Protein backbone atom coordinates (compact mmCIF):
# COMPACT_ATOMS: atom_id res chain seq x y z
CA MET A 1 108.34 118.51 112.97
CA LEU A 2 111.65 118.89 111.19
CA ASP A 3 112.93 122.45 111.33
CA GLN A 4 116.31 121.97 109.74
CA MET A 5 117.90 119.52 107.37
CA VAL A 6 121.57 119.52 106.48
CA TYR A 7 123.02 117.65 103.51
CA THR A 8 126.69 117.72 102.60
CA ASP A 9 127.88 116.21 99.34
CA SER A 10 131.40 117.38 98.58
CA ARG A 11 131.55 115.26 95.43
CA ARG A 12 128.19 116.69 94.20
CA PHE A 13 126.73 113.34 93.14
CA GLY A 14 123.60 113.34 95.28
CA ARG A 15 120.37 115.26 95.47
CA ILE A 16 117.39 115.57 97.75
CA ARG A 17 113.81 115.74 96.54
CA ILE A 18 110.98 116.24 99.01
CA PHE A 19 107.45 115.11 98.14
CA GLN A 20 104.15 115.18 99.99
CA ASP A 21 103.56 111.53 99.02
CA PRO A 22 106.84 109.87 97.97
CA LEU A 23 105.17 106.48 97.35
CA ALA A 24 103.15 108.05 94.53
CA CYS A 25 106.25 109.39 92.74
CA ASP A 26 109.12 107.74 90.91
CA PRO A 27 111.59 106.34 91.72
CA ILE A 28 110.22 105.34 95.15
CA GLY A 29 106.79 104.47 93.77
CA SER A 30 108.33 102.01 91.29
CA LEU A 31 110.11 99.90 93.91
CA GLY A 32 108.95 96.40 94.70
CA PHE A 33 108.25 95.02 98.15
CA ASP A 34 110.83 95.48 100.91
CA PRO A 35 111.79 92.06 102.33
CA LEU A 36 112.91 93.67 105.61
CA LEU A 37 109.43 95.08 106.21
CA GLU A 38 107.24 92.34 104.82
CA MET A 39 107.91 89.29 102.69
CA MET A 40 105.76 88.46 99.71
CA ALA A 41 103.77 85.23 100.03
CA LEU A 42 105.67 82.21 98.71
CA GLN A 43 103.38 81.36 95.77
CA PRO A 44 103.37 84.83 94.12
CA PHE A 45 107.14 85.02 94.72
CA GLN A 46 107.69 81.67 92.98
CA ASP A 47 105.29 82.60 90.17
CA HIS A 48 107.15 85.85 89.52
CA LEU A 49 110.54 84.11 89.41
CA HIS A 50 109.14 81.36 87.20
CA ASN A 51 107.73 83.91 84.71
CA LYS A 52 111.00 85.85 84.53
CA ASN A 53 113.18 84.85 81.64
CA ALA A 54 116.37 85.72 83.52
CA PRO A 55 118.90 84.13 85.86
CA ILE A 56 117.91 84.17 89.54
CA LYS A 57 120.50 86.85 90.37
CA ALA A 58 119.16 89.21 87.71
CA ALA A 59 115.58 88.61 88.88
CA LEU A 60 116.49 89.36 92.50
CA LEU A 61 118.44 92.49 91.54
CA ASP A 62 115.35 93.88 89.75
CA GLN A 63 114.39 96.69 92.15
CA SER A 64 110.85 96.84 90.74
CA PHE A 65 110.33 93.31 92.10
CA VAL A 66 112.30 93.31 95.37
CA ALA A 67 113.58 96.60 96.79
CA GLY A 68 117.00 96.82 98.36
CA VAL A 69 118.47 93.49 97.30
CA GLY A 70 122.09 93.93 96.28
CA ASN A 71 124.95 91.78 95.10
CA TRP A 72 125.85 90.56 98.60
CA VAL A 73 122.31 89.20 99.18
CA CYS A 74 122.36 87.46 95.80
CA PHE A 75 125.75 85.97 96.67
CA LEU A 76 124.35 84.59 99.95
CA VAL A 77 121.29 83.16 98.20
CA LYS A 78 123.51 81.40 95.69
CA GLN A 79 125.69 80.02 98.51
CA ILE A 80 122.64 78.64 100.33
CA ASP A 81 121.40 77.08 97.10
CA LYS A 82 124.59 74.99 96.67
């Protein structure tokens, strides 16, 4: 069990919120699947991208669809696609 937690934020931009069930609360509960933990099956993934009316980069940056994808991942995906 955790008896002490220390958080230092000299710029005062951050915050810590502790929940009994973080997956049931926003913003964590609103995140999409985490591709590092488990990848969505190919067909639902393709269907979601097909139904999005947005460029591929914008669709991949949508955290409610795929959690944790940032600009560098989108850049790599676009490089592979060339």
